[in-house]
Amino acid sequence: MSERPVLVVGAGLAGLSAAIELAQAGIAVVVVDQAQAPGGAVHRQPLTGVRSVASAMQARRWAAVMAGVQAQGAAITIRCGTRFGGVDHTGAVLLTGAMAALIRPRALVLAVGASERVQPRPGWTLPGVQTAGAIQTRIKTLAEAPSGRVLLAGSGPLLLAVGAELCRIGRPPEAIIETARPLRPLAALGLPLPYLTEAAGYLARLFLARVPLLWGAHLTRIETGNTGLLAHVETRRGAQTFTADLIGLHDGIRPNDTGLTDSKALPVLRLGDCREALGARAALADGQAGGAALAAKLLGRAAPPPSSELNRQRAAQARLAQIYTHDGATRLADMPDDTVICRCENRTLADLRALGTAPTDRELRLDGRFAMGACQGRFCAEWVGRITAPTQLRQRIGAARWPASPINIADLLAALDTLEGETK
């Protein structure tokens, strides 16, 4: 085994499958993850003493991955409760948390998954409004639903998945408000059978629980009412209002690459949804192919052939994106001036319009304070771009920079004390 390990950031499907390939090639691997247990978002593990609510398919897939990890023995070290702080120009990587350290790995694999997209709407920052992904995390870790009435709204397959999971634990949502119109048989014909089977299972559970499914509907605003949150919805048949205690919003996913930088001092490889948001099946294939390719590069061997499975999943996700196409983003410019766009700095649509018709990144950040908060633009950058430059696709405001999250001074001092192979 090599004295200097490869560092893998993210203990989900992509990160662990890459670690297995590297270890099988005789390369030591250290895997870190900010969660308290491996699994990533898809296979997030329940808390100690809590039963798992994973489906049979998910349980089998995760068991196979963990068996592969365990088969490599000491070649793979997993450290949870540890955050990736960044990599500098010398190849030094900062880790904080349980494994606070400043290390110089042989290579760096970034497999930090996707981030959830939530389109701003009037009232989306009210108490009781969160992401659908947060509701799913609660279900997976606690095996229970949030208290009260739950409404799901936005667009994407995750809404069906979360709704079905709520039904499975005995707490069906009040309704699912889907902006797109995905139930078009001809459009779905190009999807692989596993996609269709999974969707059919979700829909069957929702129909049996009599959950209202509104297609081509827009959640236009959220208000606080006397008996809960009021969700105002525009449908093809007119306006409707739903009352809920909790509203879960979701408008798709995007690569979680905010703040991830490259380094000329060591190989840096992005795998899974943080490189290209293609879902769990592609993350597994990408991790296997990427790990094998990196091992070949480090050992001076011929590169393996590209993954055909990854191309199949890319085609499937392209078809899925086509099925879920909608015009919801065109409503951004018509929102009231007091609608919050940037949650971190509480900047509104009026603040954005005050910057002019085509503000530069510098003006957006320094004058407008957009993308200057803790999330570094993860939530607002795309929507700011769609408002200020509708014909361009903006995923970031300003250059990539690290750290992408706050760092405790104590963690930084502890990391400096553990710089491997260096004298202070």
Protein backbone atom coordinates (compact mmCIF):
# COMPACT_ATOMS: atom_id res chain seq x y z
CA MET A 1 0.00 0.00 0.00
CA SER A 2 1.11 3.53 -0.69
CA GLU A 3 2.25 5.60 2.30
CA ARG A 4 0.30 8.59 1.05
CA PRO A 5 -3.38 7.67 0.69
CA VAL A 6 -5.90 8.98 -1.75
CA LEU A 7 -8.43 11.17 0.05
CA VAL A 8 -12.08 10.62 -0.89
CA VAL A 9 -14.54 13.27 0.28
CA GLY A 10 -18.03 11.81 0.53
CA ALA A 11 -19.07 8.37 1.79
CA GLY A 12 -21.98 7.88 -0.57
CA LEU A 13 -22.29 5.61 -3.60
CA ALA A 14 -19.76 7.44 -5.78
CA GLY A 15 -17.15 7.94 -3.07
CA LEU A 16 -17.22 4.43 -1.66
CA SER A 17 -17.34 2.68 -5.04
CA ALA A 18 -14.29 4.73 -6.09
CA ALA A 19 -12.55 3.81 -2.83
CA ILE A 20 -13.16 0.12 -3.49
CA GLU A 21 -11.61 0.33 -6.97
CA LEU A 22 -8.56 2.18 -5.63
CA ALA A 23 -8.07 -0.26 -2.77
CA GLN A 24 -8.36 -3.25 -5.10
CA ALA A 25 -5.48 -1.74 -7.09
CA GLY A 26 -3.32 -1.62 -3.94
CA ILE A 27 -3.78 2.08 -3.12
CA ALA A 28 -4.65 3.12 0.44
CA VAL A 29 -7.74 5.30 0.77
CA VAL A 30 -9.09 7.59 3.48
CA VAL A 31 -12.79 8.45 3.12
CA VAL A 32 -14.24 11.39 5.05
CA ASP A 33 -17.85 12.53 5.35
CA GLN A 34 -19.53 15.28 7.37
CA ALA A 35 -22.41 12.95 8.34
CA GLN A 36 -22.15 10.67 11.35
CA ALA A 37 -22.36 7.51 9.22
CA PRO A 38 -21.64 6.51 5.62
CA GLY A 39 -24.50 6.54 3.15
CA GLY A 40 -24.74 9.92 1.47
CA ALA A 41 -28.15 11.42 0.77
CA VAL A 42 -29.66 8.40 -0.99
CA HIS A 43 -28.56 5.82 1.59
CA ARG A 44 -28.63 8.02 4.66
CA GLN A 45 -28.57 5.72 7.67
CA PRO A 46 -30.99 5.84 10.61
CA LEU A 47 -29.83 7.03 14.00
CA THR A 48 -28.72 4.41 16.51
CA GLY A 49 -31.70 2.41 17.69
CA VAL A 50 -33.98 3.60 14.88
CA ARG A 51 -35.35 1.10 12.37
CA SER A 52 -34.42 1.47 8.73
CA VAL A 53 -37.18 2.49 6.32
CA ALA A 54 -35.10 1.83 3.20
CA SER A 55 -36.78 -0.09 0.41
CA ALA A 56 -35.66 -3.64 -0.36
CA MET A 57 -33.87 -2.46 -3.50
CA GLN A 58 -32.01 0.26 -1.63
CA ALA A 59 -31.09 -2.13 1.19
CA ARG A 60 -29.62 -4.65 -1.27
CA ARG A 61 -27.61 -2.03 -3.13
CA TRP A 62 -26.19 -0.52 0.06
CA ALA A 63 -25.35 -3.94 1.51
CA ALA A 64 -23.40 -4.77 -1.66
CA VAL A 65 -21.41 -1.52 -1.45
CA MET A 66 -20.56 -1.97 2.23
CA ALA A 67 -19.56 -5.59 1.61
CA GLY A 68 -17.13 -4.30 -1.02
CA VAL A 69 -15.69 -1.81 1.46
CA GLN A 70 -15.30 -4.40 4.21
CA ALA A 71 -13.61 -6.82 1.82
CA GLN A 72 -10.72 -4.34 1.46
CA GLY A 73 -10.00 -4.37 5.19
CA ALA A 74 -7.53 -1.77 6.40
CA ALA A 75 -6.95 -0.46 2.87
CA ILE A 76 -10.02 1.78 3.29
CA THR A 77 -10.33 4.03 6.34
CA ILE A 78 -13.64 5.86 6.88
CA ARG A 79 -13.79 8.93 9.12
CA CYS A 80 -17.25 10.42 9.61
CA GLY A 81 -18.15 13.70 11.30
CA THR A 82 -15.37 15.30 9.25
CA ARG A 83 -15.67 18.22 6.82
CA PHE A 84 -13.56 19.01 3.77
CA GLY A 85 -12.27 22.56 4.15
CA GLY A 86 -10.44 22.90 0.83
CA VAL A 87 -7.16 22.29 -0.97
CA ASP A 88 -4.46 24.92 -1.46
CA HIS A 89 -1.84 25.51 -4.16
CA THR A 90 0.64 23.16 -2.46
CA GLY A 91 -1.75 20.21 -2.39
CA ALA A 92 -2.47 20.48 1.34
CA VAL A 93 -6.05 19.54 2.22
CA LEU A 94 -7.77 20.97 5.29
CA LEU A 95 -10.10 18.68 7.24
CA THR A 96 -12.15 19.86 10.20
CA GLY A 97 -14.34 18.19 12.80
CA ALA A 98 -13.66 14.72 14.18
CA MET A 99 -10.54 14.27 12.01
CA ALA A 100 -9.21 17.81 12.09
CA ALA A 101 -6.00 17.65 10.07
CA LEU A 102 -3.96 19.24 7.34
CA ILE A 103 -2.83 16.40 5.08
CA ARG A 104 -1.11 15.94 1.72
CA PRO A 105 -2.88 13.08 -0.05
CA ARG A 106 -1.67 11.35 -3.18
CA ALA A 107 -4.84 12.45 -4.98
CA LEU A 108 -8.18 13.96 -4.06
CA VAL A 109 -11.58 12.55 -5.02
CA LEU A 110 -14.57 14.84 -4.50
CA ALA A 111 -17.86 12.94 -4.30
CA VAL A 112 -20.03 15.32 -2.30
CA GLY A 113 -23.28 14.70 -4.16
CA ALA A 114 -25.93 17.16 -5.30
CA SER A 115 -27.66 20.12 -3.70
CA GLU A 116 -31.39 20.71 -3.80
CA ARG A 117 -32.78 23.50 -5.97
CA VAL A 118 -35.60 25.61 -4.52
CA GLN A 119 -37.09 28.39 -6.63
CA PRO A 120 -37.93 31.54 -4.63
CA ARG A 121 -41.61 32.27 -4.09
CA PRO A 122 -43.35 34.81 -1.88
CA GLY A 123 -43.39 33.28 1.59
CA TRP A 124 -40.75 30.61 0.97
CA THR A 125 -38.72 31.84 3.95
CA LEU A 126 -41.59 31.55 6.45
CA PRO A 127 -41.25 29.20 9.46
CA GLY A 128 -42.63 25.81 8.51
CA VAL A 129 -41.30 25.93 4.94
CA GLN A 130 -38.32 23.69 4.19
CA THR A 131 -36.98 21.51 1.41
CA ALA A 132 -38.55 18.20 0.49
CA GLY A 133 -35.09 16.71 0.92
CA ALA A 134 -35.07 17.79 4.57
CA ILE A 135 -38.34 15.94 5.11
CA GLN A 136 -36.86 12.85 3.48
CA THR A 137 -33.79 13.09 5.71
CA ARG A 138 -36.02 13.11 8.78
CA ILE A 139 -37.84 10.03 7.54
CA LYS A 140 -34.61 8.15 6.88
CA THR A 141 -32.86 9.07 10.12
CA LEU A 142 -35.81 8.98 12.54
CA ALA A 143 -38.29 6.69 10.74
CA GLU A 144 -41.01 9.26 11.40
CA ALA A 145 -42.75 12.11 9.61
CA PRO A 146 -42.85 15.71 10.81
CA SER A 147 -45.87 16.53 12.94
CA GLY A 148 -48.92 18.11 11.35
CA ARG A 149 -50.15 18.38 7.79
CA VAL A 150 -47.48 18.21 5.06
CA LEU A 151 -47.76 19.67 1.56
CA LEU A 152 -45.17 18.99 -1.16
CA ALA A 153 -44.67 21.41 -4.05
CA GLY A 154 -42.31 22.27 -6.89
CA SER A 155 -41.05 19.92 -9.57
CA GLY A 156 -39.11 16.70 -9.89
CA PRO A 157 -39.29 12.95 -9.18
CA LEU A 158 -38.23 13.49 -5.57
CA LEU A 159 -41.69 14.86 -4.77
CA LEU A 160 -43.24 11.49 -5.65
CA ALA A 161 -40.57 9.63 -3.68
CA VAL A 162 -41.03 11.71 -0.53
CA GLY A 163 -44.80 11.57 -0.85
CA ALA A 164 -44.71 7.77 -1.14
CA GLU A 165 -42.37 7.52 1.85
CA LEU A 166 -44.79 9.62 3.91
CA CYS A 167 -47.59 7.26 2.92
CA ARG A 168 -45.48 4.23 3.85
CA ILE A 169 -45.05 5.45 7.42
CA GLY A 170 -48.73 6.30 7.73
CA ARG A 171 -48.66 10.07 7.17
CA PRO A 172 -49.79 10.84 3.60
CA PRO A 173 -49.19 14.42 2.41
CA GLU A 174 -52.14 16.77 1.94
CA ALA A 175 -51.27 17.03 -1.76
CA ILE A 176 -48.38 17.11 -4.23
CA ILE A 177 -48.22 20.23 -6.40
CA GLU A 178 -46.13 19.47 -9.51
CA THR A 179 -45.32 22.33 -11.89
CA ALA A 180 -44.57 20.02 -14.82
CA ARG A 181 -46.88 17.50 -16.47
CA PRO A 182 -44.80 14.30 -16.29
CA LEU A 183 -47.56 11.71 -16.75
CA ARG A 184 -47.34 11.60 -20.53
CA PRO A 185 -47.01 7.97 -21.69
CA LEU A 186 -45.24 8.71 -24.97
CA ALA A 187 -42.58 10.84 -23.26
CA ALA A 188 -41.86 8.09 -20.71
CA LEU A 189 -41.34 5.34 -23.30
CA GLY A 190 -37.62 6.08 -23.57
CA LEU A 191 -36.95 5.58 -19.87
CA PRO A 192 -35.24 2.37 -18.66
CA LEU A 193 -37.53 -0.20 -17.03
CA PRO A 194 -36.13 0.36 -13.49
CA TYR A 195 -37.12 4.03 -13.70
CA LEU A 196 -40.67 3.14 -14.78
CA THR A 197 -41.00 0.44 -12.13
CA GLU A 198 -39.84 2.79 -9.37
CA ALA A 199 -42.21 5.56 -10.49
CA ALA A 200 -45.12 3.11 -10.76
CA GLY A 201 -44.49 1.99 -7.19
CA TYR A 202 -44.58 5.57 -5.91
CA LEU A 203 -47.75 6.41 -7.84
CA ALA A 204 -49.52 3.26 -6.70
CA ARG A 205 -48.83 4.06 -3.05
CA LEU A 206 -50.00 7.66 -3.50
CA PHE A 207 -53.19 6.63 -5.31
CA LEU A 208 -54.02 4.05 -2.65
CA ALA A 209 -53.62 6.75 0.01
CA ARG A 210 -55.82 9.09 -2.09
CA VAL A 211 -53.21 11.84 -2.14
CA PRO A 212 -54.27 14.65 -4.54
CA LEU A 213 -51.73 14.98 -7.37
CA LEU A 214 -51.94 18.29 -9.23
CA TRP A 215 -50.00 18.37 -12.52
CA GLY A 216 -49.15 21.61 -14.33
CA ALA A 217 -49.87 23.57 -11.14
CA HIS A 218 -47.89 26.45 -9.65
CA LEU A 219 -47.48 27.25 -5.97
CA THR A 220 -47.52 31.02 -6.37
CA ARG A 221 -47.22 32.21 -2.76
CA ILE A 222 -47.28 31.10 0.86
CA GLU A 223 -48.90 33.03 3.70
CA THR A 224 -49.46 32.51 7.40
CA GLY A 225 -53.11 31.76 8.21
CA ASN A 226 -55.08 31.27 11.40
CA THR A 227 -54.78 27.48 11.27
CA GLY A 228 -51.43 27.04 9.54
CA LEU A 229 -49.66 27.94 6.33
CA LEU A 230 -51.79 28.91 3.34
CA ALA A 231 -50.45 27.67 0.00
CA HIS A 232 -51.99 29.48 -2.97
CA VAL A 233 -51.90 27.33 -6.09
CA GLU A 234 -52.75 28.09 -9.71
CA THR A 235 -54.07 25.12 -11.65
CA ARG A 236 -55.49 24.66 -15.12
CA ARG A 237 -58.96 24.69 -13.53
CA GLY A 238 -58.45 27.82 -11.46
CA ALA A 239 -57.01 28.87 -8.12
CA GLN A 240 -56.91 26.63 -5.06
CA THR A 241 -55.71 27.16 -1.50
CA PHE A 242 -54.28 24.42 0.71
CA THR A 243 -53.68 24.64 4.45
CA ALA A 244 -50.66 22.87 5.91
CA ASP A 245 -48.39 22.93 8.93
CA LEU A 246 -45.28 22.13 6.89
CA ILE A 247 -44.53 22.78 3.22
CA GLY A 248 -41.71 20.91 1.50
CA LEU A 249 -40.35 22.64 -1.62
CA HIS A 250 -38.22 21.03 -4.32
CA ASP A 251 -37.29 22.18 -7.83
CA GLY A 252 -34.73 19.59 -8.86
CA ILE A 253 -31.07 19.07 -8.02
CA ARG A 254 -27.76 20.48 -9.22
CA PRO A 255 -24.12 19.50 -8.68
CA ASN A 256 -22.91 20.45 -5.21
CA ASP A 257 -19.73 22.03 -6.55
CA THR A 258 -19.88 25.43 -4.82
CA GLY A 259 -16.46 26.29 -3.43
CA LEU A 260 -14.76 23.17 -4.79
CA THR A 261 -11.45 24.22 -6.30
CA ASP A 262 -8.73 22.41 -8.25
CA SER A 263 -5.04 22.17 -7.43
CA LYS A 264 -2.05 21.92 -9.74
CA ALA A 265 -0.14 20.09 -7.01
CA LEU A 266 -2.18 16.85 -7.07
CA PRO A 267 -4.85 15.11 -9.14
CA VAL A 268 -8.38 16.25 -8.24
CA LEU A 269 -11.25 14.12 -9.50
CA ARG A 270 -14.97 14.90 -9.21
CA LEU A 271 -17.33 11.94 -9.25
CA GLY A 272 -21.05 11.35 -8.97
CA ASP A 273 -23.64 14.07 -8.60
CA CYS A 274 -21.12 16.78 -7.66
CA ARG A 275 -19.71 16.49 -11.20
CA GLU A 276 -22.94 15.78 -13.05
CA ALA A 277 -26.30 15.34 -11.32
CA LEU A 278 -27.47 12.02 -12.78
CA GLY A 279 -28.86 10.17 -9.77
CA ALA A 280 -27.92 7.15 -7.67
CA ARG A 281 -27.46 4.60 -10.46
CA ALA A 282 -25.07 6.87 -12.33
CA ALA A 283 -23.20 7.79 -9.12
CA LEU A 284 -22.41 4.13 -8.52
CA ALA A 285 -21.22 3.62 -12.10
CA ASP A 286 -19.25 6.88 -12.12
CA GLY A 287 -17.52 6.00 -8.85
CA GLN A 288 -16.46 2.60 -10.17
CA ALA A 289 -15.22 3.98 -13.49
CA GLY A 290 -13.55 7.03 -11.93
CA GLY A 291 -11.83 5.01 -9.21
CA ALA A 292 -10.47 2.53 -11.76
CA ALA A 293 -9.27 5.36 -14.02
CA LEU A 294 -7.54 7.18 -11.15
CA ALA A 295 -5.85 3.98 -9.99
CA ALA A 296 -4.54 3.37 -13.51
CA LYS A 297 -3.21 6.94 -13.68
CA LEU A 298 -1.45 6.74 -10.31
CA LEU A 299 0.10 3.36 -11.12
CA GLY A 300 1.12 4.25 -14.68
CA ARG A 301 -1.20 1.73 -16.29
CA ALA A 302 -3.39 1.97 -19.38
CA ALA A 303 -6.67 3.75 -18.79
CA PRO A 304 -9.76 1.48 -18.66
CA PRO A 305 -12.52 1.95 -21.27
CA PRO A 306 -15.25 4.52 -20.56
CA SER A 307 -18.31 3.36 -18.65
CA SER A 308 -21.19 2.43 -20.96
CA GLU A 309 -23.51 2.33 -17.94
CA LEU A 310 -22.80 5.99 -17.24
CA ASN A 311 -23.82 6.89 -20.80
CA ARG A 312 -27.06 4.94 -20.41
CA GLN A 313 -27.89 6.78 -17.20
CA ARG A 314 -27.01 10.12 -18.79
CA ALA A 315 -29.48 9.40 -21.62
CA ALA A 316 -32.14 8.37 -19.09
CA GLN A 317 -31.70 11.55 -17.06
CA ALA A 318 -31.86 13.66 -20.22
CA ARG A 319 -35.21 12.03 -21.03
CA LEU A 320 -36.37 12.57 -17.45
CA ALA A 321 -35.42 16.25 -17.65
CA GLN A 322 -37.43 16.54 -20.85
CA ILE A 323 -40.45 14.95 -19.16
CA TYR A 324 -40.23 17.45 -16.30
CA THR A 325 -39.74 20.52 -18.48
CA HIS A 326 -41.93 23.46 -17.42
CA ASP A 327 -42.06 27.25 -17.56
CA GLY A 328 -42.02 27.90 -13.82
CA ALA A 329 -38.83 30.00 -13.92
CA THR A 330 -40.50 32.53 -16.20
CA ARG A 331 -42.57 33.65 -13.20
CA LEU A 332 -39.53 34.90 -11.28
CA ALA A 333 -39.58 38.40 -12.73
CA ASP A 334 -43.29 38.80 -11.94
CA MET A 335 -42.94 38.23 -8.20
CA PRO A 336 -43.57 41.10 -5.74
CA ASP A 337 -40.61 43.36 -4.96
CA ASP A 338 -40.43 42.20 -1.35
CA THR A 339 -39.87 38.54 -2.32
CA VAL A 340 -36.64 37.30 -0.75
CA ILE A 341 -34.14 35.98 -3.31
CA CYS A 342 -31.06 35.53 -1.10
CA ARG A 343 -32.00 33.96 2.22
CA CYS A 344 -28.57 34.33 3.85
CA GLU A 345 -28.44 38.13 3.48
CA ASN A 346 -32.24 38.64 3.28
CA ARG A 347 -31.93 40.39 -0.08
CA THR A 348 -35.11 40.89 -2.06
CA LEU A 349 -36.14 41.20 -5.68
CA ALA A 350 -36.24 44.98 -5.17
CA ASP A 351 -32.59 44.91 -4.01
CA LEU A 352 -31.67 42.97 -7.14
CA ARG A 353 -33.52 45.34 -9.46
CA ALA A 354 -31.80 48.30 -7.81
CA LEU A 355 -28.49 47.06 -9.27
CA GLY A 356 -29.64 47.73 -12.85
CA THR A 357 -30.44 45.53 -15.80
CA ALA A 358 -27.09 43.74 -16.19
CA PRO A 359 -25.10 43.85 -12.93
CA THR A 360 -21.62 42.34 -12.88
CA ASP A 361 -20.62 39.63 -10.43
CA ARG A 362 -18.74 42.24 -8.43
CA GLU A 363 -21.81 44.46 -8.22
CA LEU A 364 -24.02 41.52 -7.27
CA ARG A 365 -21.73 40.50 -4.43
CA LEU A 366 -20.29 43.75 -3.07
CA ASP A 367 -23.18 46.11 -3.71
CA GLY A 368 -26.10 43.70 -3.62
CA ARG A 369 -24.70 41.18 -1.08
CA PHE A 370 -25.97 38.27 -3.18
CA ALA A 371 -24.08 34.97 -2.68
CA MET A 372 -22.13 36.48 0.20
CA GLY A 373 -23.76 34.48 3.01
CA ALA A 374 -23.11 31.08 4.50
CA CYS A 375 -24.44 29.14 1.48
CA GLN A 376 -22.07 30.98 -0.91
CA GLY A 377 -24.77 31.20 -3.56
CA ARG A 378 -25.90 27.56 -3.50
CA PHE A 379 -29.53 28.67 -3.32
CA CYS A 380 -29.63 32.09 -4.94
CA ALA A 381 -27.05 32.16 -7.75
CA GLU A 382 -29.15 30.31 -10.31
CA TRP A 383 -32.25 32.41 -9.66
CA VAL A 384 -30.33 35.69 -9.63
CA GLY A 385 -28.96 34.69 -13.02
CA ARG A 386 -32.36 33.78 -14.42
CA ILE A 387 -33.69 37.20 -13.43
CA THR A 388 -30.74 39.36 -14.53
CA ALA A 389 -29.72 37.32 -17.61
CA PRO A 390 -32.59 35.01 -18.62
CA THR A 391 -30.81 33.65 -21.70
CA GLN A 392 -27.73 32.52 -19.75
CA LEU A 393 -27.41 29.64 -17.30
CA ARG A 394 -25.66 30.91 -14.16
CA GLN A 395 -24.78 28.45 -11.43
CA ARG A 396 -22.28 30.59 -9.54
CA ILE A 397 -21.71 34.25 -8.67
CA GLY A 398 -18.01 35.02 -8.62
CA ALA A 399 -15.13 32.55 -8.72
CA ALA A 400 -14.98 29.28 -6.83
CA ARG A 401 -13.43 29.87 -3.45
CA TRP A 402 -12.73 27.97 -0.27
CA PRO A 403 -13.56 27.50 2.50
CA ALA A 404 -17.17 27.02 1.45
CA SER A 405 -18.32 26.77 5.07
CA PRO A 406 -17.20 28.43 8.34
CA ILE A 407 -14.19 26.92 10.10
CA ASN A 408 -13.67 26.94 13.85
CA ILE A 409 -10.34 28.35 15.03
CA ALA A 410 -9.94 25.28 17.24
CA ASP A 411 -10.25 23.01 14.19
CA LEU A 412 -7.73 25.08 12.28
CA LEU A 413 -5.20 24.92 15.13
CA ALA A 414 -5.73 21.17 15.48
CA ALA A 415 -5.22 20.72 11.76
CA LEU A 416 -1.95 22.66 11.81
CA ASP A 417 -0.68 20.36 14.57
CA THR A 418 -1.21 17.28 12.41
CA LEU A 419 0.33 18.29 9.07
CA GLU A 420 1.68 14.99 7.88
CA GLY A 421 5.29 14.85 6.83
CA GLU A 422 5.90 18.54 7.52
CA THR A 423 7.47 20.53 10.35
CA LYS A 424 5.60 23.53 11.75
